[in-house]
Amino acid sequence: MVSVLLLSSSFLAAKIVSLCVVLLNIFILIGLVIEHLPLFFCLPFLIIHKHFTYDDVINDHETQFMKAGNTDHSLIFYDKAFNWIIDKGPNILIGIAILFIGLWLIKVFSRWMQSGLHRKNVDPSIKPFFISLAVVVLRLLLIFTVMQFVGIQMTIFAALIGALGVAAGLALSGTLQNFASGVLILMLKPFVVGDNIIAQGQEGTVTNIEIFYTTVTTFDNRTVVVPNGKLSNEVIINISLQGSRRLDIEMKFSFGLDYDQILKIIEETIRQSTDILKTPEHRIGVSALEESGYKVMVNVWINAHGFNDIKFIFQEKLLRALKDGGVPLPGITPK
């Protein structure tokens, strides 16, 4: 019994010494990497590690321990647990260090990414999304890397993630399409909030652009919510992007009316109208000759915003000017 206790004590001492040597090796490695430990301080421990082959000591004590006829299950369990700590402990400690360093680097990267998006003038509504997406992806990769490093098998996790990805893709195909289209719209900016557009048979002003939907308020004050997938896959007419629009007015006159008199009245009306842009220049000409008379086309440029209001005002001025000039109007057809 005394011999068994002595063997157990020496066996445990060898285990403790071996664990201390492993921890010293890790400490030396980290110290050399981060340059916090001078080389002369590490040399004694390197010499100890070179001359102390703790595996041989452990194996010798294990042999003597088993020959002594020990059948204590608690000591056997302790021996297995201790061996597991010796084998896996260094990887676990290094994995924890990698985890904390990785989280710190991800935080630094998110700050750098935020400043970079600010310099690129990226739309503020998608900045948090991009930063959050990048942080989540990097954290997942970091966790998988640490798990792989400490010896956790990733096969079951890969299969589970693949199955969940397929199921989510099938269930959210339409939503994901709207999501991707929303990101493209916010990045490429075919239109922005405040633009007047024609899409899906609706004409109005864009009041809000979100990741999944775009809200348009029509000129008769209706709110239209359009999925971004529809906007990205079909034609969009941005009628205010250029800042100005052309107003076309076609008027019909009988052959008995003097064209020069009509031209003079129209030119004077355009000159007196402050809503008509000076550039591009306006155009006036005969657009068609018919049996009952001829048609005169007037092209003027006005601001895109407030187009309909300016159109009504100018047409009213033109009509009054023609009447005051004694020109009878058999018909007027605005376009």
Protein backbone atom coordinates (compact mmCIF):
# COMPACT_ATOMS: atom_id res chain seq x y z
CA MET A 1 0.00 0.00 0.00
CA VAL A 2 2.84 2.34 0.84
CA SER A 3 4.51 1.58 -2.50
CA VAL A 4 1.29 2.37 -4.34
CA LEU A 5 0.99 5.69 -2.56
CA LEU A 6 4.59 6.54 -3.34
CA LEU A 7 4.12 5.64 -6.97
CA SER A 8 0.90 7.68 -7.07
CA SER A 9 2.65 10.68 -5.54
CA SER A 10 5.58 10.51 -7.91
CA PHE A 11 3.21 9.94 -10.83
CA LEU A 12 1.17 13.01 -9.93
CA ALA A 13 4.32 15.04 -9.46
CA ALA A 14 5.54 14.07 -12.91
CA LYS A 15 2.18 15.03 -14.37
CA ILE A 16 2.26 18.41 -12.66
CA VAL A 17 5.81 19.07 -13.83
CA SER A 18 4.89 18.12 -17.39
CA LEU A 19 1.89 20.46 -17.34
CA CYS A 20 4.09 23.27 -16.02
CA VAL A 21 6.58 22.70 -18.83
CA VAL A 22 3.76 22.83 -21.42
CA LEU A 23 2.46 26.07 -19.97
CA LEU A 24 5.97 27.51 -19.90
CA ASN A 25 6.41 26.60 -23.56
CA ILE A 26 3.19 28.41 -24.45
CA PHE A 27 4.23 31.38 -22.35
CA ILE A 28 7.63 31.48 -24.08
CA LEU A 29 6.02 31.26 -27.53
CA ILE A 30 3.58 34.09 -26.84
CA GLY A 31 6.34 36.17 -25.26
CA LEU A 32 8.63 35.78 -28.23
CA VAL A 33 5.81 36.58 -30.68
CA ILE A 34 4.66 39.75 -28.98
CA GLU A 35 8.21 40.66 -27.98
CA HIS A 36 7.33 41.24 -24.35
CA LEU A 37 9.88 38.73 -23.06
CA PRO A 38 13.62 39.23 -23.67
CA LEU A 39 15.47 36.30 -25.19
CA PHE A 40 17.82 35.79 -22.20
CA PHE A 41 14.75 35.29 -19.96
CA CYS A 42 13.39 32.57 -22.25
CA LEU A 43 16.66 30.61 -22.61
CA PRO A 44 16.51 28.80 -19.19
CA PHE A 45 13.04 27.50 -19.95
CA LEU A 46 14.11 26.37 -23.41
CA ILE A 47 17.00 24.44 -21.80
CA ILE A 48 14.60 22.81 -19.32
CA HIS A 49 12.29 21.83 -22.17
CA LYS A 50 15.24 20.33 -24.11
CA HIS A 51 16.51 18.14 -21.26
CA PHE A 52 13.15 17.27 -19.67
CA THR A 53 11.35 14.65 -21.74
CA TYR A 54 8.21 14.48 -19.67
CA ASP A 55 6.61 11.87 -21.90
CA ASP A 56 9.26 9.32 -20.87
CA VAL A 57 8.79 10.19 -17.20
CA ILE A 58 5.04 9.82 -17.43
CA ASN A 59 5.25 6.55 -19.31
CA ASP A 60 7.71 5.13 -16.72
CA HIS A 61 5.49 6.09 -13.81
CA GLU A 62 2.41 4.73 -15.58
CA THR A 63 4.14 1.36 -16.03
CA GLN A 64 5.17 1.17 -12.40
CA PHE A 65 1.75 2.36 -11.32
CA MET A 66 -0.06 -0.38 -13.24
CA LYS A 67 2.41 -3.05 -12.10
CA ALA A 68 1.62 -2.17 -8.51
CA GLY A 69 -1.87 -3.53 -9.14
CA ASN A 70 -3.74 -0.29 -8.64
CA THR A 71 -7.39 -0.48 -9.63
CA ASP A 72 -8.65 2.80 -8.16
CA HIS A 73 -11.15 4.12 -10.73
CA SER A 74 -10.85 7.70 -9.48
CA LEU A 75 -7.11 7.68 -10.14
CA ILE A 76 -7.67 6.13 -13.57
CA PHE A 77 -10.25 8.82 -14.37
CA TYR A 78 -7.86 11.48 -13.12
CA ASP A 79 -5.10 10.02 -15.26
CA LYS A 80 -7.27 10.15 -18.39
CA ALA A 81 -8.46 13.66 -17.61
CA PHE A 82 -4.90 14.79 -17.00
CA ASN A 83 -3.75 13.25 -20.28
CA TRP A 84 -6.59 15.05 -22.07
CA ILE A 85 -5.49 18.35 -20.52
CA ILE A 86 -1.89 17.69 -21.59
CA ASP A 87 -2.97 16.86 -25.16
CA LYS A 88 -5.71 19.44 -25.70
CA GLY A 89 -4.84 22.14 -23.20
CA PRO A 90 -2.29 24.00 -25.33
CA ASN A 91 -4.63 24.07 -28.32
CA ILE A 92 -7.49 25.30 -26.16
CA LEU A 93 -5.38 28.08 -24.64
CA ILE A 94 -4.09 29.15 -28.05
CA GLY A 95 -7.65 28.97 -29.41
CA ILE A 96 -8.87 31.29 -26.64
CA ALA A 97 -6.03 33.68 -27.42
CA ILE A 98 -6.92 33.59 -31.13
CA LEU A 99 -10.56 34.26 -30.26
CA PHE A 100 -9.84 37.39 -28.21
CA ILE A 101 -7.29 38.72 -30.70
CA GLY A 102 -9.68 38.04 -33.57
CA LEU A 103 -12.56 39.85 -31.86
CA TRP A 104 -10.30 42.85 -31.30
CA LEU A 105 -9.20 42.86 -34.94
CA ILE A 106 -12.82 42.60 -36.10
CA LYS A 107 -13.69 45.65 -33.98
CA VAL A 108 -10.80 47.59 -35.54
CA PHE A 109 -11.91 46.46 -39.01
CA SER A 110 -15.50 47.62 -38.42
CA ARG A 111 -14.27 51.11 -37.46
CA TRP A 112 -12.06 51.24 -40.54
CA MET A 113 -14.94 50.08 -42.72
CA GLN A 114 -17.26 52.71 -41.28
CA SER A 115 -14.80 55.50 -42.05
CA GLY A 116 -14.21 54.08 -45.53
CA LEU A 117 -17.93 54.00 -46.34
CA HIS A 118 -18.21 57.57 -45.08
CA ARG A 119 -15.40 58.68 -47.41
CA LYS A 120 -17.07 56.91 -50.35
CA ASN A 121 -20.36 58.76 -49.67
CA VAL A 122 -22.30 55.49 -49.42
CA ASP A 123 -26.00 55.90 -48.71
CA PRO A 124 -26.52 56.19 -44.93
CA SER A 125 -29.41 53.73 -45.02
CA ILE A 126 -27.15 50.82 -46.05
CA LYS A 127 -24.04 51.65 -44.01
CA PRO A 128 -25.24 49.79 -40.87
CA PHE A 129 -26.27 46.82 -42.99
CA PHE A 130 -22.88 46.43 -44.67
CA ILE A 131 -20.98 46.87 -41.41
CA SER A 132 -23.19 44.41 -39.53
CA LEU A 133 -22.98 41.87 -42.35
CA ALA A 134 -19.19 42.05 -42.46
CA VAL A 135 -18.88 41.76 -38.66
CA VAL A 136 -21.23 38.77 -38.48
CA VAL A 137 -19.44 36.94 -41.29
CA LEU A 138 -16.01 37.58 -39.77
CA ARG A 139 -17.16 36.46 -36.33
CA LEU A 140 -18.59 33.24 -37.75
CA LEU A 141 -15.36 32.54 -39.61
CA LEU A 142 -13.39 33.25 -36.44
CA ILE A 143 -15.53 30.88 -34.38
CA PHE A 144 -15.23 28.12 -37.00
CA THR A 145 -11.46 28.64 -37.14
CA VAL A 146 -11.12 28.39 -33.35
CA MET A 147 -13.32 25.29 -33.24
CA GLN A 148 -11.25 23.67 -35.96
CA PHE A 149 -8.02 24.60 -34.17
CA VAL A 150 -9.05 23.07 -30.85
CA GLY A 151 -10.04 19.85 -32.60
CA ILE A 152 -13.84 20.09 -32.87
CA GLN A 153 -15.06 18.33 -36.01
CA MET A 154 -16.84 20.71 -38.38
CA THR A 155 -18.48 18.13 -40.64
CA ILE A 156 -21.82 18.14 -38.86
CA PHE A 157 -21.85 21.94 -38.65
CA ALA A 158 -21.12 22.27 -42.37
CA ALA A 159 -23.95 19.88 -43.24
CA LEU A 160 -26.34 21.71 -40.90
CA ILE A 161 -25.45 25.13 -42.31
CA GLY A 162 -25.83 23.84 -45.86
CA ALA A 163 -29.28 22.39 -45.13
CA LEU A 164 -30.42 25.58 -43.42
CA GLY A 165 -29.12 27.66 -46.34
CA VAL A 166 -31.05 25.64 -48.90
CA ALA A 167 -34.25 25.76 -46.85
CA ALA A 168 -33.95 29.52 -46.27
CA GLY A 169 -33.21 30.13 -49.95
CA LEU A 170 -36.31 28.25 -51.06
CA ALA A 171 -38.57 29.85 -48.47
CA LEU A 172 -37.32 33.41 -48.92
CA SER A 173 -36.53 33.50 -52.64
CA GLY A 174 -38.81 36.47 -53.34
CA THR A 175 -37.76 38.32 -50.21
CA LEU A 176 -34.08 37.75 -50.95
CA GLN A 177 -34.61 39.06 -54.49
CA ASN A 178 -36.17 42.24 -53.10
CA PHE A 179 -33.33 42.51 -50.60
CA ALA A 180 -30.61 42.18 -53.27
CA SER A 181 -32.46 44.62 -55.53
CA GLY A 182 -32.74 47.12 -52.67
CA VAL A 183 -29.00 46.96 -52.06
CA LEU A 184 -28.33 47.51 -55.79
CA ILE A 185 -30.73 50.47 -55.94
CA LEU A 186 -29.12 52.10 -52.90
CA MET A 187 -25.63 51.54 -54.31
CA LEU A 188 -26.15 52.34 -58.01
CA LYS A 189 -28.78 55.06 -57.36
CA PRO A 190 -30.88 55.00 -60.53
CA PHE A 191 -33.16 57.27 -58.49
CA VAL A 192 -33.01 58.88 -55.07
CA VAL A 193 -35.54 60.24 -52.62
CA GLY A 194 -37.25 63.28 -54.17
CA ASP A 195 -36.96 62.14 -57.80
CA ASN A 196 -40.04 61.91 -60.00
CA ILE A 197 -40.23 58.51 -61.66
CA ILE A 198 -42.55 56.40 -63.78
CA ALA A 199 -42.53 52.73 -62.78
CA GLN A 200 -45.07 49.92 -62.74
CA GLY A 201 -47.56 52.21 -64.46
CA GLN A 202 -47.31 54.76 -61.64
CA GLU A 203 -45.93 58.28 -61.83
CA GLY A 204 -44.98 60.13 -58.71
CA THR A 205 -42.28 61.28 -56.30
CA VAL A 206 -40.02 58.83 -54.46
CA THR A 207 -40.52 59.44 -50.75
CA ASN A 208 -38.66 56.51 -49.21
CA ILE A 209 -36.20 53.80 -50.30
CA GLU A 210 -35.83 50.80 -48.01
CA ILE A 211 -34.04 47.48 -48.33
CA PHE A 212 -37.16 45.60 -49.48
CA TYR A 213 -39.58 48.25 -50.75
CA THR A 214 -39.69 51.72 -52.32
CA THR A 215 -42.50 54.15 -51.56
CA VAL A 216 -43.82 56.47 -54.28
CA THR A 217 -46.37 59.24 -53.73
CA THR A 218 -48.36 59.98 -56.86
CA PHE A 219 -49.35 63.47 -57.94
CA ASP A 220 -52.92 62.82 -56.78
CA ASN A 221 -51.55 61.97 -53.29
CA ARG A 222 -51.73 58.17 -53.43
CA THR A 223 -49.04 56.13 -51.68
CA VAL A 224 -47.70 53.28 -53.81
CA VAL A 225 -45.39 50.67 -52.24
CA VAL A 226 -43.35 48.89 -54.94
CA PRO A 227 -41.15 45.81 -54.23
CA ASN A 228 -37.55 46.53 -55.15
CA GLY A 229 -37.38 43.34 -57.21
CA LYS A 230 -39.91 44.84 -59.63
CA LEU A 231 -37.98 48.09 -59.90
CA SER A 232 -34.63 46.44 -60.60
CA ASN A 233 -35.97 44.04 -63.26
CA GLU A 234 -38.18 46.41 -65.24
CA VAL A 235 -37.93 49.81 -66.91
CA ILE A 236 -37.75 52.87 -64.69
CA ILE A 237 -38.22 56.35 -66.18
CA ASN A 238 -36.57 59.02 -64.05
CA ILE A 239 -38.22 62.19 -65.27
CA SER A 240 -36.39 64.57 -62.92
CA LEU A 241 -32.82 63.26 -62.97
CA GLN A 242 -31.63 65.76 -65.60
CA GLY A 243 -33.18 68.70 -63.76
CA SER A 244 -35.22 69.96 -66.71
CA ARG A 245 -37.94 68.67 -69.03
CA ARG A 246 -39.23 69.69 -72.41
CA LEU A 247 -42.81 70.89 -72.72
CA ASP A 248 -44.38 70.23 -76.14
CA ILE A 249 -47.49 72.09 -77.25
CA GLU A 250 -49.07 71.50 -80.68
CA MET A 251 -51.67 73.98 -82.01
CA LYS A 252 -53.76 73.86 -85.17
CA PHE A 253 -54.54 76.91 -87.32
CA SER A 254 -56.42 77.47 -90.56
CA PHE A 255 -54.51 78.34 -93.74
CA GLY A 256 -56.08 81.81 -93.70
CA LEU A 257 -54.10 82.84 -90.60
CA ASP A 258 -50.71 84.51 -91.02
CA TYR A 259 -47.93 82.23 -89.68
CA ASP A 260 -45.57 85.17 -89.03
CA GLN A 261 -48.15 86.83 -86.78
CA ILE A 262 -48.65 83.60 -84.82
CA LEU A 263 -44.87 83.12 -84.52
CA LYS A 264 -44.43 86.67 -83.19
CA ILE A 265 -47.12 86.20 -80.51
CA ILE A 266 -45.64 82.89 -79.34
CA GLU A 267 -42.09 84.32 -79.19
CA GLU A 268 -43.26 87.27 -77.12
CA THR A 269 -45.16 85.01 -74.71
CA ILE A 270 -42.07 82.83 -74.19
CA ARG A 271 -39.89 85.90 -73.63
CA GLN A 272 -42.22 87.28 -70.94
CA SER A 273 -42.58 83.94 -69.12
CA THR A 274 -40.08 83.65 -66.25
CA ASP A 275 -40.66 79.89 -65.85
CA ILE A 276 -39.21 79.08 -69.28
CA LEU A 277 -35.51 78.21 -69.22
CA LYS A 278 -33.16 80.14 -71.49
CA THR A 279 -31.07 77.04 -72.19
CA PRO A 280 -31.65 74.82 -74.03
CA GLU A 281 -33.25 77.21 -76.49
CA HIS A 282 -36.91 76.84 -77.40
CA ARG A 283 -38.09 75.76 -80.85
CA ILE A 284 -41.14 76.77 -82.90
CA GLY A 285 -42.08 75.27 -86.25
CA VAL A 286 -44.78 73.81 -88.48
CA SER A 287 -45.18 70.18 -87.48
CA ALA A 288 -47.87 69.06 -89.97
CA LEU A 289 -49.85 70.20 -93.01
CA GLU A 290 -53.42 68.95 -93.31
CA GLU A 291 -56.40 69.63 -95.56
CA SER A 292 -58.08 71.85 -92.99
CA GLY A 293 -55.01 73.76 -91.88
CA TYR A 294 -51.52 73.46 -90.45
CA LYS A 295 -50.12 72.59 -87.02
CA VAL A 296 -47.51 74.57 -85.09
CA MET A 297 -45.27 72.79 -82.55
CA VAL A 298 -43.80 74.72 -79.60
CA ASN A 299 -40.93 73.15 -77.61
CA VAL A 300 -39.83 74.92 -74.43
CA TRP A 301 -37.72 73.74 -71.48
CA ILE A 302 -38.88 74.06 -67.89
CA ASN A 303 -37.80 72.73 -64.49
CA ALA A 304 -38.54 69.05 -63.91
CA HIS A 305 -39.90 69.66 -60.42
CA GLY A 306 -43.24 71.42 -60.66
CA PHE A 307 -43.57 70.42 -64.31
CA ASN A 308 -47.36 70.21 -64.37
CA ASP A 309 -47.84 73.51 -62.54
CA ILE A 310 -45.58 75.39 -64.95
CA LYS A 311 -47.24 73.65 -67.90
CA PHE A 312 -50.71 74.84 -66.88
CA ILE A 313 -49.54 78.40 -66.28
CA PHE A 314 -47.69 78.71 -69.59
CA GLN A 315 -50.52 77.23 -71.65
CA GLU A 316 -52.93 79.68 -70.07
CA LYS A 317 -50.63 82.62 -70.92
CA LEU A 318 -50.23 81.41 -74.49
CA LEU A 319 -53.97 81.00 -74.96
CA ARG A 320 -54.67 84.51 -73.68
CA ALA A 321 -51.93 86.01 -75.85
CA LEU A 322 -53.31 84.41 -79.02
CA LYS A 323 -56.82 85.57 -78.25
CA ASP A 324 -55.65 89.10 -77.49
CA GLY A 325 -53.76 89.09 -80.79
CA GLY A 326 -56.95 88.29 -82.70
CA VAL A 327 -55.97 84.75 -83.65
CA PRO A 328 -58.98 82.36 -83.68
CA LEU A 329 -58.16 78.87 -82.36
CA PRO A 330 -60.08 75.99 -83.91
CA GLY A 331 -58.27 73.56 -81.58
CA ILE A 332 -55.30 73.21 -79.27
CA THR A 333 -53.67 69.90 -78.41
CA PRO A 334 -51.04 69.94 -75.65
CA LYS A 335 -48.60 67.04 -75.35
